[in-house]
Protein backbone atom coordinates (compact mmCIF):
# COMPACT_ATOMS: atom_id res chain seq x y z
CA MET A 1 -7.24 -100.13 -23.01
CA ASP A 2 -4.72 -99.76 -19.99
CA ARG A 3 -1.67 -100.81 -22.53
CA LEU A 4 -3.05 -98.32 -25.39
CA THR A 5 -2.95 -95.47 -22.09
CA THR A 6 0.56 -96.46 -21.26
CA ALA A 7 1.52 -96.15 -24.41
CA GLY A 8 0.20 -92.46 -24.50
CA LEU A 9 -2.63 -93.11 -27.30
CA VAL A 10 -5.54 -92.52 -24.97
CA ASP A 11 -5.30 -89.34 -22.74
CA ASP A 12 -8.22 -87.55 -21.87
CA GLU A 13 -6.34 -84.77 -20.63
CA ASP A 14 -4.73 -84.10 -23.77
CA PHE A 15 -7.77 -84.66 -25.81
CA ALA A 16 -9.75 -81.96 -23.42
CA ALA A 17 -7.01 -79.50 -23.63
CA GLN A 18 -6.80 -80.04 -27.45
CA TRP A 19 -11.02 -79.77 -28.18
CA VAL A 20 -11.21 -76.83 -25.62
CA GLN A 21 -8.44 -74.76 -27.44
CA SER A 22 -10.04 -75.34 -30.80
CA ARG A 23 -13.71 -75.17 -29.80
CA HIS A 24 -13.14 -71.29 -28.46
CA THR A 25 -10.95 -70.45 -31.11
CA TYR A 26 -12.88 -71.59 -34.21
CA SER A 27 -16.53 -71.78 -33.15
CA GLY A 28 -15.86 -69.15 -30.41
CA LYS A 29 -17.63 -71.44 -27.26
CA GLY A 30 -17.42 -70.07 -24.21
CA LYS A 31 -16.62 -72.03 -20.96
CA ARG A 32 -20.34 -73.23 -19.89
CA ALA A 33 -20.65 -74.83 -23.26
CA LEU A 34 -17.23 -76.64 -23.74
CA ALA A 35 -17.84 -78.03 -20.17
CA ALA A 36 -21.05 -79.74 -21.37
CA GLU A 37 -19.84 -80.56 -24.56
CA LEU A 38 -16.73 -82.43 -22.64
CA ARG A 39 -19.20 -83.93 -20.34
CA THR A 40 -21.06 -85.47 -23.14
CA LYS A 41 -17.53 -86.49 -24.51
CA GLY A 42 -17.27 -88.81 -21.77
CA VAL A 43 -14.15 -86.33 -20.08
CA SER A 44 -13.73 -86.34 -16.26
CA ALA A 45 -14.70 -83.61 -14.18
CA GLU A 46 -11.25 -83.20 -13.38
CA ASN A 47 -9.93 -83.18 -16.88
CA ALA A 48 -12.46 -80.95 -17.98
CA ALA A 49 -11.94 -78.67 -15.04
CA ALA A 50 -8.13 -78.70 -15.97
CA ALA A 51 -8.51 -78.07 -19.69
CA LEU A 52 -10.78 -74.59 -18.85
CA ALA A 53 -8.56 -73.17 -16.76
CA GLN A 54 -6.51 -72.66 -19.64
CA ILE A 55 -9.16 -70.17 -20.74
CA ASP A 56 -8.83 -66.90 -18.82
CA GLY A 57 -11.53 -64.51 -18.44
CA ASP A 58 -10.06 -61.80 -20.60
CA ALA A 59 -9.94 -64.33 -23.33
CA GLU A 60 -13.01 -65.19 -23.05
CA ARG A 61 -14.25 -61.43 -22.84
CA SER A 62 -12.04 -60.88 -26.04
CA ARG A 63 -13.76 -64.03 -28.21
CA ALA A 64 -17.22 -62.60 -27.02
CA ALA A 65 -16.35 -59.15 -28.24
CA GLU A 66 -15.13 -60.20 -31.66
CA LEU A 67 -18.47 -62.70 -32.26
CA VAL A 68 -20.42 -59.93 -31.40
CA ALA A 69 -18.64 -57.24 -33.02
CA LYS A 70 -18.71 -59.59 -36.74
CA LYS A 71 -22.55 -60.03 -36.02
CA LEU A 72 -23.41 -56.36 -35.09
CA ARG A 73 -21.89 -55.15 -38.92
CA SER A 74 -25.15 -56.50 -40.19
CA GLU A 75 -27.84 -55.56 -37.67
CA ASN A 76 -30.49 -52.80 -37.88
CA LEU A 77 -29.61 -50.02 -35.11
CA ASP A 78 -33.04 -47.92 -35.91
CA ASP A 79 -34.86 -48.77 -32.62
CA GLY A 80 -32.01 -47.82 -30.64
CA GLY A 81 -30.13 -51.00 -30.85
CA ILE A 82 -32.72 -52.41 -28.64
CA LYS A 83 -33.54 -56.03 -30.79
CA ALA A 84 -30.18 -56.23 -31.89
CA ALA A 85 -29.28 -56.25 -28.19
CA ARG A 86 -31.44 -59.64 -27.59
CA ARG A 87 -30.56 -61.22 -30.39
CA LEU A 88 -26.75 -60.56 -29.72
CA VAL A 89 -27.23 -61.60 -25.92
CA ALA A 90 -29.13 -64.55 -26.98
CA MET A 91 -26.04 -65.49 -29.44
CA LEU A 92 -23.65 -65.19 -26.60
CA ALA A 93 -25.90 -67.81 -24.18
CA ARG A 94 -26.63 -70.12 -26.73
CA ARG A 95 -22.51 -70.36 -26.82
CA GLY A 96 -21.99 -70.72 -23.68
CA TYR A 97 -21.15 -67.53 -22.30
CA GLY A 98 -22.40 -66.21 -18.92
CA GLN A 99 -25.47 -63.59 -18.88
CA SER A 100 -23.19 -60.84 -17.29
CA MET A 101 -20.56 -60.91 -19.55
CA ALA A 102 -22.85 -61.01 -22.56
CA TYR A 103 -24.71 -57.93 -21.68
CA ASP A 104 -21.58 -56.23 -20.46
CA VAL A 105 -19.75 -56.92 -23.98
CA VAL A 106 -22.92 -56.09 -26.39
CA LYS A 107 -23.57 -52.80 -24.33
CA ASN A 108 -19.95 -51.56 -25.33
CA ALA A 109 -20.07 -53.04 -28.62
CA LEU A 110 -23.69 -51.38 -29.04
CA ALA A 111 -22.42 -47.91 -27.73
CA SER A 112 -19.26 -48.34 -30.09
CA GLU A 113 -21.22 -48.82 -33.56
CA ASN A 114 -23.20 -45.94 -32.75
CA ASP A 115 -20.83 -43.76 -32.24
CA ARG A 116 -19.26 -44.97 -35.40
CA ARG A 117 -22.64 -44.83 -37.49
CA ASN A 118 -23.29 -41.45 -36.35
CA VAL A 119 -19.74 -40.01 -36.99
CA GLY A 120 -19.42 -41.37 -40.45
């Protein structure tokens, strides 16, 4: 195993960085979910923290907003968006986003969507 590591064939730090980038970009996972996935993969806490540091707060919020906007197009807002808000916050929570960020992103998206639907 030491020979593989010295040859650069086994690199947990590189694996963690690529895993985080891929799962955040393509699966829309938040930092909490990514940290849990890295733990199950056996990546050390230091390597996981370094990989998760590449996702800044703005990028995470932006990705959450994209996910909400995509899902919101098919939601029924007849009840003022109460059910939709619950569903969207739960979706973000399952993907590993923090509760306060999820509520904030959903609140902003619902306001924009209500304005869009009322204008059109």
